[in-house]
Amino acid sequence: EGAGSLYQEGQLGHFDNNTPNFGFYDSDSIDPFTPGQLQLLRAMNLLDDQTSFKRISTYNDGSAYRLSAISGASLWTSPDDSTAFTALHSPSGKSMVDGFISGSTFYDLASDGTLYKGLVSSPGSATTWPLGGAPTRLLFGKGRLWACGGPDIWQPDTTSAGGTAQDPIFTSLSDGWQYTCVAEGPGA
């Protein structure tokens, strides 16, 4: 991935505590991944000095683009590119491993495999579903919500009643296999 790429995520595709995590969208002819390349970047603002943020992403709530991020026990949000992040959803006693906001809805995932879905306007009323296992990634692909981690892939059904346990739809037969992403491809 380099100049002209539209998306880059994670060094070697790994998302764990031992690897730098980053997201990247739209290089605009700048290659941030080739050591030694020097180019001017657009002006940037320091929003927060939080060093444990991961999966920082943008979302459109219908009126403007906003920022969201996962860190520690919370899904965080910032209303614009000059305001510090504030915690949006912090389930008691949980450690959050992934999450994002889509429109007015948030999705986040706790380390114990609990999936949360709620409205940004009322995060305390989130619905939960236990996913059997320990997913570490939550994402959209092919117009659906997916979760993956270890040898398992889930396609959570958020139309089912809250509390309904959901098992993986696929488990790799290879010992030690680690799914980190779901990708779309032609004819898939």
C-alpha atoms as a PDB file:
ATOM      1  CA  GLU A   1       0.000   0.000   0.000  1.00  0.00           C
ATOM      2  CA  GLY A   2       1.294   3.446  -0.767  1.00  0.00           C
ATOM      3  CA  ALA A   3       0.585   6.555  -2.785  1.00  0.00           C
ATOM      4  CA  GLY A   4      -2.871   6.395  -4.274  1.00  0.00           C
ATOM      5  CA  SER A   5      -4.120   3.704  -1.911  1.00  0.00           C
ATOM      6  CA  LEU A   6      -7.537   4.321  -0.460  1.00  0.00           C
ATOM      7  CA  TYR A   7      -7.203   2.301   2.713  1.00  0.00           C
ATOM      8  CA  GLN A   8      -4.467   0.814   4.906  1.00  0.00           C
ATOM      9  CA  GLU A   9      -5.028  -0.898   8.205  1.00  0.00           C
ATOM     10  CA  GLY A  10      -2.578  -2.330  10.686  1.00  0.00           C
ATOM     11  CA  GLN A  11       1.008  -3.416  10.191  1.00  0.00           C
ATOM     12  CA  LEU A  12       0.916  -6.815   8.472  1.00  0.00           C
ATOM     13  CA  GLY A  13      -2.827  -6.912   9.140  1.00  0.00           C
ATOM     14  CA  HIS A  14      -2.396  -7.623  12.849  1.00  0.00           C
ATOM     15  CA  PHE A  15      -4.466  -5.928  15.530  1.00  0.00           C
ATOM     16  CA  ASP A  16      -3.087  -6.712  18.929  1.00  0.00           C
ATOM     17  CA  ASN A  17      -1.286  -4.964  21.748  1.00  0.00           C
ATOM     18  CA  ASN A  18       2.153  -5.790  20.318  1.00  0.00           C
ATOM     19  CA  THR A  19       1.680  -4.134  16.932  1.00  0.00           C
ATOM     20  CA  PRO A  20       1.113  -0.481  16.031  1.00  0.00           C
ATOM     21  CA  ASN A  21      -2.510   0.014  15.031  1.00  0.00           C
ATOM     22  CA  PHE A  22      -3.479   2.632  12.519  1.00  0.00           C
ATOM     23  CA  GLY A  23      -6.113   3.406   9.950  1.00  0.00           C
ATOM     24  CA  PHE A  24      -5.499   5.296   6.750  1.00  0.00           C
ATOM     25  CA  TYR A  25      -7.786   6.627   4.049  1.00  0.00           C
ATOM     26  CA  ASP A  26      -7.004   8.581   0.874  1.00  0.00           C
ATOM     27  CA  SER A  27      -3.286   9.213   0.481  1.00  0.00           C
ATOM     28  CA  ASP A  28      -3.807  12.123  -1.934  1.00  0.00           C
ATOM     29  CA  SER A  29      -0.462  11.241  -3.620  1.00  0.00           C
ATOM     30  CA  ILE A  30       1.422  10.996  -0.306  1.00  0.00           C
ATOM     31  CA  ASP A  31       2.974   7.657   0.598  1.00  0.00           C
ATOM     32  CA  PRO A  32       3.152   7.546   4.430  1.00  0.00           C
ATOM     33  CA  PHE A  33       4.387   3.953   4.463  1.00  0.00           C
ATOM     34  CA  THR A  34       7.685   4.272   2.561  1.00  0.00           C
ATOM     35  CA  PRO A  35      10.544   5.188   4.910  1.00  0.00           C
ATOM     36  CA  GLY A  36      12.460   8.260   3.787  1.00  0.00           C
ATOM     37  CA  GLN A  37       9.743   9.859   1.693  1.00  0.00           C
ATOM     38  CA  LEU A  38       9.318  13.510   2.584  1.00  0.00           C
ATOM     39  CA  GLN A  39       6.237  15.485   1.588  1.00  0.00           C
ATOM     40  CA  LEU A  40       4.170  18.261   3.073  1.00  0.00           C
ATOM     41  CA  LEU A  41       0.984  17.179   4.795  1.00  0.00           C
ATOM     42  CA  ARG A  42      -2.233  19.087   5.198  1.00  0.00           C
ATOM     43  CA  ALA A  43      -2.577  21.138   8.393  1.00  0.00           C
ATOM     44  CA  MET A  44      -3.484  18.929  11.361  1.00  0.00           C
ATOM     45  CA  ASN A  45      -4.903  19.608  14.802  1.00  0.00           C
ATOM     46  CA  LEU A  46      -4.003  17.712  17.986  1.00  0.00           C
ATOM     47  CA  LEU A  47      -7.386  16.588  19.291  1.00  0.00           C
ATOM     48  CA  ASP A  48      -6.268  14.513  22.212  1.00  0.00           C
ATOM     49  CA  ASP A  49      -3.035  13.184  23.638  1.00  0.00           C
ATOM     50  CA  GLN A  50      -4.677   9.830  24.376  1.00  0.00           C
ATOM     51  CA  THR A  51      -2.001   7.319  23.354  1.00  0.00           C
ATOM     52  CA  SER A  52      -4.137   4.199  23.564  1.00  0.00           C
ATOM     53  CA  PHE A  53      -6.726   5.110  20.908  1.00  0.00           C
ATOM     54  CA  LYS A  54      -7.160   2.516  18.201  1.00  0.00           C
ATOM     55  CA  ARG A  55      -9.464   2.275  15.220  1.00  0.00           C
ATOM     56  CA  ILE A  56      -9.994   5.994  14.825  1.00  0.00           C
ATOM     57  CA  SER A  57     -12.565   6.480  12.085  1.00  0.00           C
ATOM     58  CA  THR A  58     -14.996   8.988  10.641  1.00  0.00           C
ATOM     59  CA  TYR A  59     -18.758   8.776  10.383  1.00  0.00           C
ATOM     60  CA  ASN A  60     -21.486  11.024   9.024  1.00  0.00           C
ATOM     61  CA  ASP A  61     -24.383  11.645  11.393  1.00  0.00           C
ATOM     62  CA  GLY A  62     -26.455  13.282   8.647  1.00  0.00           C
ATOM     63  CA  SER A  63     -25.262  16.802   9.320  1.00  0.00           C
ATOM     64  CA  ALA A  64     -21.465  16.565   9.471  1.00  0.00           C
ATOM     65  CA  TYR A  65     -18.505  14.198   9.550  1.00  0.00           C
ATOM     66  CA  ARG A  66     -17.444  13.243  13.060  1.00  0.00           C
ATOM     67  CA  LEU A  67     -14.684  11.093  14.615  1.00  0.00           C
ATOM     68  CA  SER A  68     -14.911   7.936  16.721  1.00  0.00           C
ATOM     69  CA  ALA A  69     -12.276   5.773  18.424  1.00  0.00           C
ATOM     70  CA  ILE A  70     -11.914   2.796  20.789  1.00  0.00           C
ATOM     71  CA  SER A  71      -9.761   2.975  23.896  1.00  0.00           C
ATOM     72  CA  GLY A  72      -9.840   1.044  27.144  1.00  0.00           C
ATOM     73  CA  ALA A  73     -13.380   0.742  28.462  1.00  0.00           C
ATOM     74  CA  SER A  74     -15.024   3.167  26.023  1.00  0.00           C
ATOM     75  CA  LEU A  75     -16.124   4.046  22.539  1.00  0.00           C
ATOM     76  CA  TRP A  76     -15.140   7.710  22.148  1.00  0.00           C
ATOM     77  CA  THR A  77     -16.427  10.446  19.844  1.00  0.00           C
ATOM     78  CA  SER A  78     -15.471  13.955  18.797  1.00  0.00           C
ATOM     79  CA  PRO A  79     -17.940  16.314  17.100  1.00  0.00           C
ATOM     80  CA  ASP A  80     -15.328  17.898  14.834  1.00  0.00           C
ATOM     81  CA  ASP A  81     -11.628  18.095  14.051  1.00  0.00           C
ATOM     82  CA  SER A  82     -10.847  20.611  16.792  1.00  0.00           C
ATOM     83  CA  THR A  83     -12.652  19.203  19.851  1.00  0.00           C
ATOM     84  CA  ALA A  84     -11.192  16.616  22.222  1.00  0.00           C
ATOM     85  CA  PHE A  85     -12.745  13.144  22.327  1.00  0.00           C
ATOM     86  CA  THR A  86     -15.326  12.309  25.003  1.00  0.00           C
ATOM     87  CA  ALA A  87     -16.492   8.859  26.088  1.00  0.00           C
ATOM     88  CA  LEU A  88     -19.769   7.891  24.402  1.00  0.00           C
ATOM     89  CA  HIS A  89     -20.324   4.303  25.560  1.00  0.00           C
ATOM     90  CA  SER A  90     -18.595   2.741  28.589  1.00  0.00           C
ATOM     91  CA  PRO A  91     -20.234  -0.507  29.745  1.00  0.00           C
ATOM     92  CA  SER A  92     -19.492  -1.113  33.420  1.00  0.00           C
ATOM     93  CA  GLY A  93     -16.604  -3.496  34.058  1.00  0.00           C
ATOM     94  CA  LYS A  94     -15.908  -4.118  30.367  1.00  0.00           C
ATOM     95  CA  SER A  95     -12.817  -3.622  28.245  1.00  0.00           C
ATOM     96  CA  MET A  96     -13.666  -2.630  24.684  1.00  0.00           C
ATOM     97  CA  VAL A  97     -11.678  -4.170  21.813  1.00  0.00           C
ATOM     98  CA  ASP A  98     -13.332  -2.626  18.738  1.00  0.00           C
ATOM     99  CA  GLY A  99     -16.196  -0.446  17.631  1.00  0.00           C
ATOM    100  CA  PHE A 100     -17.389   2.296  15.333  1.00  0.00           C
ATOM    101  CA  ILE A 101     -20.307   4.615  14.630  1.00  0.00           C
ATOM    102  CA  SER A 102     -22.430   4.443  11.496  1.00  0.00           C
ATOM    103  CA  GLY A 103     -24.872   7.318  11.053  1.00  0.00           C
ATOM    104  CA  SER A 104     -26.754   7.616  14.350  1.00  0.00           C
ATOM    105  CA  THR A 105     -25.974   4.035  15.481  1.00  0.00           C
ATOM    106  CA  PHE A 106     -22.930   2.773  17.339  1.00  0.00           C
ATOM    107  CA  TYR A 107     -21.543  -0.759  17.469  1.00  0.00           C
ATOM    108  CA  ASP A 108     -18.874  -1.850  19.910  1.00  0.00           C
ATOM    109  CA  LEU A 109     -17.383  -5.082  21.111  1.00  0.00           C
ATOM    110  CA  ALA A 110     -16.142  -6.024  24.588  1.00  0.00           C
ATOM    111  CA  SER A 111     -13.215  -8.360  25.238  1.00  0.00           C
ATOM    112  CA  ASP A 112     -15.631 -10.967  26.667  1.00  0.00           C
ATOM    113  CA  GLY A 113     -17.357 -11.192  23.251  1.00  0.00           C
ATOM    114  CA  THR A 114     -20.385  -9.018  24.063  1.00  0.00           C
ATOM    115  CA  LEU A 115     -21.648  -7.033  21.071  1.00  0.00           C
ATOM    116  CA  TYR A 116     -23.379  -3.709  21.758  1.00  0.00           C
ATOM    117  CA  LYS A 117     -25.623  -1.744  19.387  1.00  0.00           C
ATOM    118  CA  GLY A 118     -27.270   1.526  20.339  1.00  0.00           C
ATOM    119  CA  LEU A 119     -28.160   5.036  19.340  1.00  0.00           C
ATOM    120  CA  VAL A 120     -25.552   7.764  19.709  1.00  0.00           C
ATOM    121  CA  SER A 121     -28.288   9.948  21.226  1.00  0.00           C
ATOM    122  CA  SER A 122     -29.023   7.411  24.017  1.00  0.00           C
ATOM    123  CA  PRO A 123     -25.999   5.118  24.523  1.00  0.00           C
ATOM    124  CA  GLY A 124     -27.270   3.812  27.866  1.00  0.00           C
ATOM    125  CA  SER A 125     -30.067   1.914  26.099  1.00  0.00           C
ATOM    126  CA  ALA A 126     -27.774  -0.273  23.968  1.00  0.00           C
ATOM    127  CA  THR A 127     -28.891  -3.802  23.114  1.00  0.00           C
ATOM    128  CA  THR A 128     -26.402  -6.623  23.731  1.00  0.00           C
ATOM    129  CA  TRP A 129     -25.715 -10.008  22.178  1.00  0.00           C
ATOM    130  CA  PRO A 130     -23.118 -12.499  23.475  1.00  0.00           C
ATOM    131  CA  LEU A 131     -20.947 -13.869  20.685  1.00  0.00           C
ATOM    132  CA  GLY A 132     -19.623 -17.345  21.469  1.00  0.00           C
ATOM    133  CA  GLY A 133     -15.849 -16.991  21.587  1.00  0.00           C
ATOM    134  CA  ALA A 134     -13.603 -13.959  21.631  1.00  0.00           C
ATOM    135  CA  PRO A 135     -13.969 -11.770  18.530  1.00  0.00           C
ATOM    136  CA  THR A 136     -11.438  -8.946  18.277  1.00  0.00           C
ATOM    137  CA  ARG A 137     -12.646  -7.097  15.153  1.00  0.00           C
ATOM    138  CA  LEU A 138     -16.010  -5.606  14.238  1.00  0.00           C
ATOM    139  CA  LEU A 139     -16.670  -4.322  10.721  1.00  0.00           C
ATOM    140  CA  PHE A 140     -19.105  -3.905   7.839  1.00  0.00           C
ATOM    141  CA  GLY A 141     -18.635  -5.758   4.562  1.00  0.00           C
ATOM    142  CA  LYS A 142     -21.043  -6.706   1.804  1.00  0.00           C
ATOM    143  CA  GLY A 143     -23.688  -4.584   3.540  1.00  0.00           C
ATOM    144  CA  ARG A 144     -23.568  -6.703   6.698  1.00  0.00           C
ATOM    145  CA  LEU A 145     -22.083  -6.549  10.171  1.00  0.00           C
ATOM    146  CA  TRP A 146     -19.219  -9.021  10.748  1.00  0.00           C
ATOM    147  CA  ALA A 147     -17.016  -9.956  13.674  1.00  0.00           C
ATOM    148  CA  CYS A 148     -13.830 -12.000  13.570  1.00  0.00           C
ATOM    149  CA  GLY A 149     -11.098 -13.177  15.882  1.00  0.00           C
ATOM    150  CA  GLY A 150      -8.928 -16.214  16.282  1.00  0.00           C
ATOM    151  CA  PRO A 151     -10.152 -18.981  13.975  1.00  0.00           C
ATOM    152  CA  ASP A 152     -13.777 -17.728  13.990  1.00  0.00           C
ATOM    153  CA  ILE A 153     -15.995 -15.474  11.862  1.00  0.00           C
ATOM    154  CA  TRP A 154     -19.405 -14.237  13.013  1.00  0.00           C
ATOM    155  CA  GLN A 155     -22.218 -12.543  11.119  1.00  0.00           C
ATOM    156  CA  PRO A 156     -24.174 -11.089  14.048  1.00  0.00           C
ATOM    157  CA  ASP A 157     -27.935 -10.861  13.664  1.00  0.00           C
ATOM    158  CA  THR A 158     -28.834  -7.602  15.401  1.00  0.00           C
ATOM    159  CA  THR A 159     -32.507  -8.109  14.502  1.00  0.00           C
ATOM    160  CA  SER A 160     -32.719 -11.013  16.958  1.00  0.00           C
ATOM    161  CA  ALA A 161     -33.831 -10.385  20.526  1.00  0.00           C
ATOM    162  CA  GLY A 162     -31.199  -8.840  22.775  1.00  0.00           C
ATOM    163  CA  GLY A 163     -29.329 -11.450  24.798  1.00  0.00           C
ATOM    164  CA  THR A 164     -29.616 -14.105  22.069  1.00  0.00           C
ATOM    165  CA  ALA A 165     -26.278 -15.949  21.965  1.00  0.00           C
ATOM    166  CA  GLN A 166     -24.667 -16.056  18.536  1.00  0.00           C
ATOM    167  CA  ASP A 167     -22.169 -18.656  17.448  1.00  0.00           C
ATOM    168  CA  PRO A 168     -19.560 -18.266  14.701  1.00  0.00           C
ATOM    169  CA  ILE A 169     -20.755 -19.016  11.167  1.00  0.00           C
ATOM    170  CA  PHE A 170     -17.313 -20.367  10.242  1.00  0.00           C
ATOM    171  CA  THR A 171     -14.310 -21.745  12.104  1.00  0.00           C
ATOM    172  CA  SER A 172     -11.009 -22.414  10.362  1.00  0.00           C
ATOM    173  CA  LEU A 173      -9.683 -25.955  10.509  1.00  0.00           C
ATOM    174  CA  SER A 174      -6.098 -24.658  10.713  1.00  0.00           C
ATOM    175  CA  ASP A 175      -4.659 -24.613  14.210  1.00  0.00           C
ATOM    176  CA  GLY A 176      -3.486 -21.137  15.175  1.00  0.00           C
ATOM    177  CA  TRP A 177      -5.319 -19.332  12.353  1.00  0.00           C
ATOM    178  CA  GLN A 178      -6.118 -15.693  13.191  1.00  0.00           C
ATOM    179  CA  TYR A 179      -8.803 -13.857  11.216  1.00  0.00           C
ATOM    180  CA  THR A 180      -8.302 -10.083  11.306  1.00  0.00           C
ATOM    181  CA  CYS A 181     -10.558  -8.773   8.540  1.00  0.00           C
ATOM    182  CA  VAL A 182     -13.296  -9.550   6.015  1.00  0.00           C
ATOM    183  CA  ALA A 183     -12.763  -8.320   2.463  1.00  0.00           C
ATOM    184  CA  GLU A 184     -15.079  -7.870  -0.488  1.00  0.00           C
ATOM    185  CA  GLY A 185     -14.062  -8.996  -3.919  1.00  0.00           C
ATOM    186  CA  PRO A 186     -15.536  -9.239  -7.405  1.00  0.00           C
ATOM    187  CA  GLY A 187     -18.159 -11.942  -7.617  1.00  0.00           C
ATOM    188  CA  ALA A 188     -18.040 -12.537  -3.855  1.00  0.00           C
END
